[in-house]
Amino acid sequence: MDDSKGLSYFLLGLGVGVAACIVFAPQSGVETRGLIRSKAQESGDALRRRTEELRDSATDLVDRGKSAVGRQKEQLAAAVDAGKQAYREAVSNVSEARTTDGV
């Protein structure tokens, strides 16, 4: 079958399909368009609601992440301060030991 015949058969099949849809359609064109419009609006509303839910979830996750980072930051600062204090005490003890030993 050459390409021109294939295209002809395709268009013929398309025409027969459209005709069958018109004959066997359960509703009129106006009703069908109204149904399509209402379903599209419902889908759009559902998509907007889901987007808002996802945005709220993302905001919550970001806030919890910031809180966790803040806690970790405080713990790290406390650990650094404890390390500095331990270092000062160790240096102080070494200095005292040298003065006591007469070095």
PDB file of N, CA and C in Angstrom:
ATOM      1  N   MET A   1       0.851  -1.162   0.000  1.00  0.00           N
ATOM      2  CA  MET A   1       0.000   0.000   0.000  1.00  0.00           C
ATOM      3  C   MET A   1       0.900   1.228   0.000  1.00  0.00           C
ATOM      4  N   ASP A   2       0.657   2.147  -0.917  1.00  0.00           N
ATOM      5  CA  ASP A   2       1.484   3.359  -0.960  1.00  0.00           C
ATOM      6  C   ASP A   2       0.932   4.380   0.034  1.00  0.00           C
ATOM      7  N   ASP A   3       1.696   5.447   0.256  1.00  0.00           N
ATOM      8  CA  ASP A   3       1.355   6.434   1.279  1.00  0.00           C
ATOM      9  C   ASP A   3       0.051   7.171   1.000  1.00  0.00           C
ATOM     10  N   SER A   4      -0.240   7.445  -0.263  1.00  0.00           N
ATOM     11  CA  SER A   4      -1.464   8.195  -0.580  1.00  0.00           C
ATOM     12  C   SER A   4      -2.708   7.363  -0.271  1.00  0.00           C
ATOM     13  N   LYS A   5      -2.658   6.056  -0.531  1.00  0.00           N
ATOM     14  CA  LYS A   5      -3.795   5.196  -0.201  1.00  0.00           C
ATOM     15  C   LYS A   5      -3.938   5.082   1.309  1.00  0.00           C
ATOM     16  N   GLY A   6      -2.832   4.993   2.031  1.00  0.00           N
ATOM     17  CA  GLY A   6      -2.869   4.893   3.493  1.00  0.00           C
ATOM     18  C   GLY A   6      -3.514   6.126   4.095  1.00  0.00           C
ATOM     19  N   LEU A   7      -3.172   7.293   3.573  1.00  0.00           N
ATOM     20  CA  LEU A   7      -3.749   8.539   4.060  1.00  0.00           C
ATOM     21  C   LEU A   7      -5.241   8.588   3.741  1.00  0.00           C
ATOM     22  N   SER A   8      -5.611   8.123   2.551  1.00  0.00           N
ATOM     23  CA  SER A   8      -7.029   8.095   2.161  1.00  0.00           C
ATOM     24  C   SER A   8      -7.823   7.201   3.101  1.00  0.00           C
ATOM     25  N   TYR A   9      -7.305   6.010   3.400  1.00  0.00           N
ATOM     26  CA  TYR A   9      -8.001   5.097   4.306  1.00  0.00           C
ATOM     27  C   TYR A   9      -8.084   5.678   5.719  1.00  0.00           C
ATOM     28  N   PHE A  10      -7.034   6.338   6.131  1.00  0.00           N
ATOM     29  CA  PHE A  10      -7.038   6.962   7.458  1.00  0.00           C
ATOM     30  C   PHE A  10      -8.139   8.013   7.542  1.00  0.00           C
ATOM     31  N   LEU A  11      -8.216   8.893   6.545  1.00  0.00           N
ATOM     32  CA  LEU A  11      -9.234   9.945   6.541  1.00  0.00           C
ATOM     33  C   LEU A  11     -10.635   9.353   6.455  1.00  0.00           C
ATOM     34  N   LEU A  12     -10.802   8.279   5.666  1.00  0.00           N
ATOM     35  CA  LEU A  12     -12.090   7.609   5.582  1.00  0.00           C
ATOM     36  C   LEU A  12     -12.479   7.036   6.943  1.00  0.00           C
ATOM     37  N   GLY A  13     -11.562   6.396   7.615  1.00  0.00           N
ATOM     38  CA  GLY A  13     -11.819   5.837   8.944  1.00  0.00           C
ATOM     39  C   GLY A  13     -12.136   6.921   9.958  1.00  0.00           C
ATOM     40  N   LEU A  14     -11.417   8.034   9.848  1.00  0.00           N
ATOM     41  CA  LEU A  14     -11.680   9.161  10.734  1.00  0.00           C
ATOM     42  C   LEU A  14     -13.098   9.684  10.529  1.00  0.00           C
ATOM     43  N   GLY A  15     -13.493   9.829   9.291  1.00  0.00           N
ATOM     44  CA  GLY A  15     -14.845  10.299   8.981  1.00  0.00           C
ATOM     45  C   GLY A  15     -15.909   9.341   9.500  1.00  0.00           C
ATOM     46  N   VAL A  16     -15.704   8.046   9.310  1.00  0.00           N
ATOM     47  CA  VAL A  16     -16.662   7.048   9.793  1.00  0.00           C
ATOM     48  C   VAL A  16     -16.737   7.098  11.316  1.00  0.00           C
ATOM     49  N   GLY A  17     -15.605   7.265  11.970  1.00  0.00           N
ATOM     50  CA  GLY A  17     -15.580   7.354  13.437  1.00  0.00           C
ATOM     51  C   GLY A  17     -16.326   8.564  13.951  1.00  0.00           C
ATOM     52  N   VAL A  18     -16.119   9.707  13.321  1.00  0.00           N
ATOM     53  CA  VAL A  18     -16.821  10.934  13.720  1.00  0.00           C
ATOM     54  C   VAL A  18     -18.316  10.756  13.522  1.00  0.00           C
ATOM     55  N   ALA A  19     -18.707  10.190  12.393  1.00  0.00           N
ATOM     56  CA  ALA A  19     -20.130   9.973  12.109  1.00  0.00           C
ATOM     57  C   ALA A  19     -20.742   9.043  13.148  1.00  0.00           C
ATOM     58  N   ALA A  20     -20.038   7.982  13.507  1.00  0.00           N
ATOM     59  CA  ALA A  20     -20.555   7.039  14.505  1.00  0.00           C
ATOM     60  C   ALA A  20     -20.705   7.722  15.859  1.00  0.00           C
ATOM     61  N   CYS A  21     -19.759   8.571  16.217  1.00  0.00           N
ATOM     62  CA  CYS A  21     -19.840   9.295  17.487  1.00  0.00           C
ATOM     63  C   CYS A  21     -21.042  10.222  17.515  1.00  0.00           C
ATOM     64  N   ILE A  22     -21.309  10.885  16.425  1.00  0.00           N
ATOM     65  CA  ILE A  22     -22.450  11.807  16.365  1.00  0.00           C
ATOM     66  C   ILE A  22     -23.759  11.029  16.475  1.00  0.00           C
ATOM     67  N   VAL A  23     -23.842   9.900  15.788  1.00  0.00           N
ATOM     68  CA  VAL A  23     -25.079   9.118  15.780  1.00  0.00           C
ATOM     69  C   VAL A  23     -25.339   8.488  17.158  1.00  0.00           C
ATOM     70  N   PHE A  24     -24.318   7.958  17.774  1.00  0.00           N
ATOM     71  CA  PHE A  24     -24.481   7.225  19.031  1.00  0.00           C
ATOM     72  C   PHE A  24     -24.165   8.044  20.278  1.00  0.00           C
ATOM     73  N   ALA A  25     -23.956   9.332  20.164  1.00  0.00           N
ATOM     74  CA  ALA A  25     -23.644  10.175  21.322  1.00  0.00           C
ATOM     75  C   ALA A  25     -24.823  10.176  22.291  1.00  0.00           C
ATOM     76  N   PRO A  26     -24.560   9.988  23.600  1.00  0.00           N
ATOM     77  CA  PRO A  26     -25.649   9.946  24.579  1.00  0.00           C
ATOM     78  C   PRO A  26     -26.225  11.320  24.894  1.00  0.00           C
ATOM     79  N   GLN A  27     -25.536  12.396  24.527  1.00  0.00           N
ATOM     80  CA  GLN A  27     -25.990  13.747  24.843  1.00  0.00           C
ATOM     81  C   GLN A  27     -25.820  14.629  23.613  1.00  0.00           C
ATOM     82  N   SER A  28     -26.473  15.787  23.674  1.00  0.00           N
ATOM     83  CA  SER A  28     -26.305  16.729  22.569  1.00  0.00           C
ATOM     84  C   SER A  28     -24.940  17.412  22.684  1.00  0.00           C
ATOM     85  N   GLY A  29     -24.567  18.101  21.646  1.00  0.00           N
ATOM     86  CA  GLY A  29     -23.276  18.795  21.643  1.00  0.00           C
ATOM     87  C   GLY A  29     -23.169  19.838  22.737  1.00  0.00           C
ATOM     88  N   VAL A  30     -24.266  20.578  22.972  1.00  0.00           N
ATOM     89  CA  VAL A  30     -24.273  21.608  24.013  1.00  0.00           C
ATOM     90  C   VAL A  30     -24.075  20.964  25.382  1.00  0.00           C
ATOM     91  N   GLU A  31     -24.782  19.857  25.622  1.00  0.00           N
ATOM     92  CA  GLU A  31     -24.647  19.163  26.902  1.00  0.00           C
ATOM     93  C   GLU A  31     -23.239  18.597  27.072  1.00  0.00           C
ATOM     94  N   THR A  32     -22.705  18.033  26.015  1.00  0.00           N
ATOM     95  CA  THR A  32     -21.355  17.458  26.072  1.00  0.00           C
ATOM     96  C   THR A  32     -20.328  18.545  26.354  1.00  0.00           C
ATOM     97  N   ARG A  33     -20.446  19.687  25.687  1.00  0.00           N
ATOM     98  CA  ARG A  33     -19.494  20.785  25.938  1.00  0.00           C
ATOM     99  C   ARG A  33     -19.618  21.287  27.372  1.00  0.00           C
ATOM    100  N   GLY A  34     -20.855  21.363  27.872  1.00  0.00           N
ATOM    101  CA  GLY A  34     -21.065  21.775  29.259  1.00  0.00           C
ATOM    102  C   GLY A  34     -20.438  20.791  30.232  1.00  0.00           C
ATOM    103  N   LEU A  35     -20.604  19.504  29.944  1.00  0.00           N
ATOM    104  CA  LEU A  35     -20.006  18.472  30.788  1.00  0.00           C
ATOM    105  C   LEU A  35     -18.485  18.569  30.769  1.00  0.00           C
ATOM    106  N   ILE A  36     -17.928  18.732  29.588  1.00  0.00           N
ATOM    107  CA  ILE A  36     -16.471  18.870  29.471  1.00  0.00           C
ATOM    108  C   ILE A  36     -15.995  20.098  30.236  1.00  0.00           C
ATOM    109  N   ARG A  37     -16.715  21.207  30.098  1.00  0.00           N
ATOM    110  CA  ARG A  37     -16.347  22.449  30.785  1.00  0.00           C
ATOM    111  C   ARG A  37     -16.379  22.259  32.307  1.00  0.00           C
ATOM    112  N   SER A  38     -17.438  21.628  32.814  1.00  0.00           N
ATOM    113  CA  SER A  38     -17.557  21.446  34.265  1.00  0.00           C
ATOM    114  C   SER A  38     -16.485  20.501  34.791  1.00  0.00           C
ATOM    115  N   LYS A  39     -16.189  19.440  34.049  1.00  0.00           N
ATOM    116  CA  LYS A  39     -15.130  18.511  34.466  1.00  0.00           C
ATOM    117  C   LYS A  39     -13.771  19.197  34.443  1.00  0.00           C
ATOM    118  N   ALA A  40     -13.537  20.043  33.451  1.00  0.00           N
ATOM    119  CA  ALA A  40     -12.266  20.772  33.387  1.00  0.00           C
ATOM    120  C   ALA A  40     -12.147  21.732  34.564  1.00  0.00           C
ATOM    121  N   GLN A  41     -13.249  22.379  34.924  1.00  0.00           N
ATOM    122  CA  GLN A  41     -13.226  23.300  36.058  1.00  0.00           C
ATOM    123  C   GLN A  41     -12.993  22.539  37.358  1.00  0.00           C
ATOM    124  N   GLU A  42     -13.654  21.392  37.523  1.00  0.00           N
ATOM    125  CA  GLU A  42     -13.449  20.572  38.707  1.00  0.00           C
ATOM    126  C   GLU A  42     -11.987  20.132  38.813  1.00  0.00           C
ATOM    127  N   SER A  43     -11.413  19.730  37.691  1.00  0.00           N
ATOM    128  CA  SER A  43     -10.009  19.309  37.675  1.00  0.00           C
ATOM    129  C   SER A  43      -9.095  20.472  38.040  1.00  0.00           C
ATOM    130  N   GLY A  44      -9.399  21.652  37.512  1.00  0.00           N
ATOM    131  CA  GLY A  44      -8.600  22.837  37.835  1.00  0.00           C
ATOM    132  C   GLY A  44      -8.685  23.186  39.311  1.00  0.00           C
ATOM    133  N   ASP A  45      -9.894  23.099  39.875  1.00  0.00           N
ATOM    134  CA  ASP A  45     -10.068  23.376  41.302  1.00  0.00           C
ATOM    135  C   ASP A  45      -9.304  22.356  42.150  1.00  0.00           C
ATOM    136  N   ALA A  46      -9.395  21.086  41.769  1.00  0.00           N
ATOM    137  CA  ALA A  46      -8.675  20.043  42.503  1.00  0.00           C
ATOM    138  C   ALA A  46      -7.168  20.272  42.413  1.00  0.00           C
ATOM    139  N   LEU A  47      -6.705  20.676  41.249  1.00  0.00           N
ATOM    140  CA  LEU A  47      -5.280  20.944  41.072  1.00  0.00           C
ATOM    141  C   LEU A  47      -4.839  22.121  41.934  1.00  0.00           C
ATOM    142  N   ARG A  48      -5.660  23.176  42.010  1.00  0.00           N
ATOM    143  CA  ARG A  48      -5.329  24.321  42.860  1.00  0.00           C
ATOM    144  C   ARG A  48      -5.276  23.917  44.334  1.00  0.00           C
ATOM    145  N   ARG A  49      -6.269  23.118  44.770  1.00  0.00           N
ATOM    146  CA  ARG A  49      -6.266  22.662  46.170  1.00  0.00           C
ATOM    147  C   ARG A  49      -5.032  21.841  46.479  1.00  0.00           C
ATOM    148  N   ARG A  50      -4.686  20.939  45.577  1.00  0.00           N
ATOM    149  CA  ARG A  50      -3.517  20.076  45.783  1.00  0.00           C
ATOM    150  C   ARG A  50      -2.244  20.913  45.798  1.00  0.00           C
ATOM    151  N   THR A  51      -2.167  21.916  44.944  1.00  0.00           N
ATOM    152  CA  THR A  51      -1.000  22.796  44.915  1.00  0.00           C
ATOM    153  C   THR A  51      -0.855  23.538  46.239  1.00  0.00           C
ATOM    154  N   GLU A  52      -1.975  24.028  46.777  1.00  0.00           N
ATOM    155  CA  GLU A  52      -1.929  24.720  48.068  1.00  0.00           C
ATOM    156  C   GLU A  52      -1.492  23.771  49.179  1.00  0.00           C
ATOM    157  N   GLU A  53      -2.001  22.533  49.149  1.00  0.00           N
ATOM    158  CA  GLU A  53      -1.602  21.547  50.146  1.00  0.00           C
ATOM    159  C   GLU A  53      -0.107  21.267  50.061  1.00  0.00           C
ATOM    160  N   LEU A  54       0.391  21.110  48.855  1.00  0.00           N
ATOM    161  CA  LEU A  54       1.821  20.843  48.674  1.00  0.00           C
ATOM    162  C   LEU A  54       2.662  22.027  49.124  1.00  0.00           C
ATOM    163  N   ARG A  55       2.188  23.240  48.834  1.00  0.00           N
ATOM    164  CA  ARG A  55       2.917  24.432  49.252  1.00  0.00           C
ATOM    165  C   ARG A  55       2.958  24.512  50.782  1.00  0.00           C
ATOM    166  N   ASP A  56       1.819  24.218  51.422  1.00  0.00           N
ATOM    167  CA  ASP A  56       1.783  24.225  52.884  1.00  0.00           C
ATOM    168  C   ASP A  56       2.713  23.166  53.463  1.00  0.00           C
ATOM    169  N   SER A  57       2.722  21.983  52.850  1.00  0.00           N
ATOM    170  CA  SER A  57       3.611  20.913  53.309  1.00  0.00           C
ATOM    171  C   SER A  57       5.072  21.318  53.142  1.00  0.00           C
ATOM    172  N   ALA A  58       5.372  21.923  52.012  1.00  0.00           N
ATOM    173  CA  ALA A  58       6.750  22.354  51.763  1.00  0.00           C
ATOM    174  C   ALA A  58       7.162  23.427  52.758  1.00  0.00           C
ATOM    175  N   THR A  59       6.261  24.356  53.048  1.00  0.00           N
ATOM    176  CA  THR A  59       6.562  25.407  54.023  1.00  0.00           C
ATOM    177  C   THR A  59       6.815  24.793  55.392  1.00  0.00           C
ATOM    178  N   ASP A  60       5.990  23.820  55.762  1.00  0.00           N
ATOM    179  CA  ASP A  60       6.161  23.135  57.045  1.00  0.00           C
ATOM    180  C   ASP A  60       7.505  22.417  57.104  1.00  0.00           C
ATOM    181  N   LEU A  61       7.856  21.731  56.014  1.00  0.00           N
ATOM    182  CA  LEU A  61       9.142  21.031  55.975  1.00  0.00           C
ATOM    183  C   LEU A  61      10.313  22.005  56.085  1.00  0.00           C
ATOM    184  N   VAL A  62      10.216  23.129  55.407  1.00  0.00           N
ATOM    185  CA  VAL A  62      11.278  24.130  55.461  1.00  0.00           C
ATOM    186  C   VAL A  62      11.415  24.670  56.885  1.00  0.00           C
ATOM    187  N   ASP A  63      10.274  24.953  57.524  1.00  0.00           N
ATOM    188  CA  ASP A  63      10.312  25.455  58.894  1.00  0.00           C
ATOM    189  C   ASP A  63      10.924  24.435  59.849  1.00  0.00           C
ATOM    190  N   ARG A  64      10.531  23.170  59.688  1.00  0.00           N
ATOM    191  CA  ARG A  64      11.108  22.133  60.549  1.00  0.00           C
ATOM    192  C   ARG A  64      12.599  21.978  60.286  1.00  0.00           C
ATOM    193  N   GLY A  65      13.002  22.090  59.025  1.00  0.00           N
ATOM    194  CA  GLY A  65      14.427  22.013  58.686  1.00  0.00           C
ATOM    195  C   GLY A  65      15.207  23.159  59.307  1.00  0.00           C
ATOM    196  N   LYS A  66      14.649  24.368  59.235  1.00  0.00           N
ATOM    197  CA  LYS A  66      15.314  25.522  59.843  1.00  0.00           C
ATOM    198  C   LYS A  66      15.451  25.331  61.343  1.00  0.00           C
ATOM    199  N   SER A  67      14.404  24.795  61.963  1.00  0.00           N
ATOM    200  CA  SER A  67      14.434  24.554  63.399  1.00  0.00           C
ATOM    201  C   SER A  67      15.518  23.532  63.750  1.00  0.00           C
ATOM    202  N   ALA A  68      15.596  22.459  62.973  1.00  0.00           N
ATOM    203  CA  ALA A  68      16.608  21.432  63.225  1.00  0.00           C
ATOM    204  C   ALA A  68      18.011  21.996  63.029  1.00  0.00           C
ATOM    205  N   VAL A  69      18.192  22.795  62.000  1.00  0.00           N
ATOM    206  CA  VAL A  69      19.512  23.413  61.770  1.00  0.00           C
ATOM    207  C   VAL A  69      19.859  24.351  62.914  1.00  0.00           C
ATOM    208  N   GLY A  70      18.873  25.094  63.402  1.00  0.00           N
ATOM    209  CA  GLY A  70      19.103  25.994  64.540  1.00  0.00           C
ATOM    210  C   GLY A  70      19.537  25.227  65.781  1.00  0.00           C
ATOM    211  N   ARG A  71      18.865  24.104  66.061  1.00  0.00           N
ATOM    212  CA  ARG A  71      19.250  23.277  67.221  1.00  0.00           C
ATOM    213  C   ARG A  71      20.659  22.732  67.051  1.00  0.00           C
ATOM    214  N   GLN A  72      20.966  22.251  65.854  1.00  0.00           N
ATOM    215  CA  GLN A  72      22.307  21.713  65.603  1.00  0.00           C
ATOM    216  C   GLN A  72      23.362  22.804  65.755  1.00  0.00           C
ATOM    217  N   LYS A  73      23.025  23.989  65.304  1.00  0.00           N
ATOM    218  CA  LYS A  73      23.939  25.128  65.408  1.00  0.00           C
ATOM    219  C   LYS A  73      24.221  25.448  66.878  1.00  0.00           C
ATOM    220  N   GLU A  74      23.159  25.450  67.700  1.00  0.00           N
ATOM    221  CA  GLU A  74      23.326  25.719  69.126  1.00  0.00           C
ATOM    222  C   GLU A  74      24.171  24.637  69.786  1.00  0.00           C
ATOM    223  N   GLN A  75      23.919  23.371  69.425  1.00  0.00           N
ATOM    224  CA  GLN A  75      24.702  22.276  69.992  1.00  0.00           C
ATOM    225  C   GLN A  75      26.165  22.375  69.583  1.00  0.00           C
ATOM    226  N   LEU A  76      26.419  22.739  68.352  1.00  0.00           N
ATOM    227  CA  LEU A  76      27.789  22.889  67.881  1.00  0.00           C
ATOM    228  C   LEU A  76      28.482  24.036  68.602  1.00  0.00           C
ATOM    229  N   ALA A  77      27.778  25.155  68.778  1.00  0.00           N
ATOM    230  CA  ALA A  77      28.359  26.291  69.493  1.00  0.00           C
ATOM    231  C   ALA A  77      28.675  25.903  70.935  1.00  0.00           C
ATOM    232  N   ALA A  78      27.776  25.150  71.568  1.00  0.00           N
ATOM    233  CA  ALA A  78      28.026  24.703  72.941  1.00  0.00           C
ATOM    234  C   ALA A  78      29.229  23.770  72.991  1.00  0.00           C
ATOM    235  N   ALA A  79      29.347  22.887  72.008  1.00  0.00           N
ATOM    236  CA  ALA A  79      30.488  21.966  71.971  1.00  0.00           C
ATOM    237  C   ALA A  79      31.795  22.726  71.746  1.00  0.00           C
ATOM    238  N   VAL A  80      31.767  23.723  70.892  1.00  0.00           N
ATOM    239  CA  VAL A  80      32.973  24.535  70.641  1.00  0.00           C
ATOM    240  C   VAL A  80      33.357  25.288  71.908  1.00  0.00           C
ATOM    241  N   ASP A  81      32.367  25.875  72.595  1.00  0.00           N
ATOM    242  CA  ASP A  81      32.654  26.587  73.842  1.00  0.00           C
ATOM    243  C   ASP A  81      33.230  25.642  74.891  1.00  0.00           C
ATOM    244  N   ALA A  82      32.672  24.432  74.988  1.00  0.00           N
ATOM    245  CA  ALA A  82      33.185  23.445  75.943  1.00  0.00           C
ATOM    246  C   ALA A  82      34.615  23.056  75.575  1.00  0.00           C
ATOM    247  N   GLY A  83      34.876  22.913  74.290  1.00  0.00           N
ATOM    248  CA  GLY A  83      36.248  22.588  73.855  1.00  0.00           C
ATOM    249  C   GLY A  83      37.223  23.713  74.175  1.00  0.00           C
ATOM    250  N   LYS A  84      36.808  24.959  73.980  1.00  0.00           N
ATOM    251  CA  LYS A  84      37.666  26.107  74.309  1.00  0.00           C
ATOM    252  C   LYS A  84      37.956  26.149  75.799  1.00  0.00           C
ATOM    253  N   GLN A  85      36.901  25.912  76.602  1.00  0.00           N
ATOM    254  CA  GLN A  85      37.077  25.928  78.051  1.00  0.00           C
ATOM    255  C   GLN A  85      38.015  24.805  78.489  1.00  0.00           C
ATOM    256  N   ALA A  86      37.845  23.630  77.909  1.00  0.00           N
ATOM    257  CA  ALA A  86      38.735  22.506  78.248  1.00  0.00           C
ATOM    258  C   ALA A  86      40.166  22.826  77.852  1.00  0.00           C
ATOM    259  N   TYR A  87      40.357  23.475  76.711  1.00  0.00           N
ATOM    260  CA  TYR A  87      41.699  23.855  76.265  1.00  0.00           C
ATOM    261  C   TYR A  87      42.308  24.859  77.235  1.00  0.00           C
ATOM    262  N   ARG A  88      41.535  25.866  77.652  1.00  0.00           N
ATOM    263  CA  ARG A  88      42.048  26.868  78.597  1.00  0.00           C
ATOM    264  C   ARG A  88      42.450  26.213  79.912  1.00  0.00           C
ATOM    265  N   GLU A  89      41.607  25.281  80.376  1.00  0.00           N
ATOM    266  CA  GLU A  89      41.926  24.597  81.626  1.00  0.00           C
ATOM    267  C   GLU A  89      43.186  23.762  81.486  1.00  0.00           C
ATOM    268  N   ALA A  90      43.327  23.081  80.336  1.00  0.00           N
ATOM    269  CA  ALA A  90      44.513  22.255  80.109  1.00  0.00           C
ATOM    270  C   ALA A  90      45.758  23.121  80.037  1.00  0.00           C
ATOM    271  N   VAL A  91      45.685  24.257  79.358  1.00  0.00           N
ATOM    272  CA  VAL A  91      46.835  25.167  79.253  1.00  0.00           C
ATOM    273  C   VAL A  91      47.150  25.747  80.628  1.00  0.00           C
ATOM    274  N   SER A  92      46.107  26.085  81.363  1.00  0.00           N
ATOM    275  CA  SER A  92      46.296  26.635  82.709  1.00  0.00           C
ATOM    276  C   SER A  92      46.958  25.598  83.610  1.00  0.00           C
ATOM    277  N   ASN A  93      46.532  24.347  83.518  1.00  0.00           N
ATOM    278  CA  ASN A  93      47.120  23.282  84.338  1.00  0.00           C
ATOM    279  C   ASN A  93      48.574  23.049  83.964  1.00  0.00           C
ATOM    280  N   VAL A  94      48.893  23.121  82.682  1.00  0.00           N
ATOM    281  CA  VAL A  94      50.275  22.938  82.237  1.00  0.00           C
ATOM    282  C   VAL A  94      51.138  24.087  82.747  1.00  0.00           C
ATOM    283  N   SER A  95      50.598  25.314  82.683  1.00  0.00           N
ATOM    284  CA  SER A  95      51.347  26.482  83.162  1.00  0.00           C
ATOM    285  C   SER A  95      51.591  26.382  84.656  1.00  0.00           C
ATOM    286  N   GLU A  96      50.599  25.975  85.400  1.00  0.00           N
ATOM    287  CA  GLU A  96      50.754  25.834  86.839  1.00  0.00           C
ATOM    288  C   GLU A  96      51.757  24.743  87.162  1.00  0.00           C
ATOM    289  N   ALA A  97      51.713  23.653  86.401  1.00  0.00           N
ATOM    290  CA  ALA A  97      52.649  22.542  86.644  1.00  0.00           C
ATOM    291  C   ALA A  97      54.076  22.992  86.368  1.00  0.00           C
ATOM    292  N   ARG A  98      54.294  23.819  85.368  1.00  0.00           N
ATOM    293  CA  ARG A  98      55.646  24.308  85.049  1.00  0.00           C
ATOM    294  C   ARG A  98      56.133  25.248  86.129  1.00  0.00           C
ATOM    295  N   THR A  99      55.259  26.132  86.602  1.00  0.00           N
ATOM    296  CA  THR A  99      55.698  27.047  87.667  1.00  0.00           C
ATOM    297  C   THR A  99      55.942  26.301  88.959  1.00  0.00           C
ATOM    298  N   THR A 100      55.177  25.257  89.215  1.00  0.00           N
ATOM    299  CA  THR A 100      55.364  24.478  90.422  1.00  0.00           C
ATOM    300  C   THR A 100      56.656  23.668  90.324  1.00  0.00           C
ATOM    301  N   ASP A 101      56.970  23.181  89.145  1.00  0.00           N
ATOM    302  CA  ASP A 101      58.187  22.390  88.953  1.00  0.00           C
ATOM    303  C   ASP A 101      59.420  23.262  88.829  1.00  0.00           C
ATOM    304  N   GLY A 102      59.215  24.552  88.685  1.00  0.00           N
ATOM    305  CA  GLY A 102      60.346  25.464  88.551  1.00  0.00           C
ATOM    306  C   GLY A 102      60.893  25.556  87.169  1.00  0.00           C
ATOM    307  N   VAL A 103      60.154  25.255  86.195  1.00  0.00           N
ATOM    308  CA  VAL A 103      60.621  25.315  84.806  1.00  0.00           C
ATOM    309  C   VAL A 103      60.436  26.679  84.265  1.00  0.00           C
TER     310      VAL A 103
END
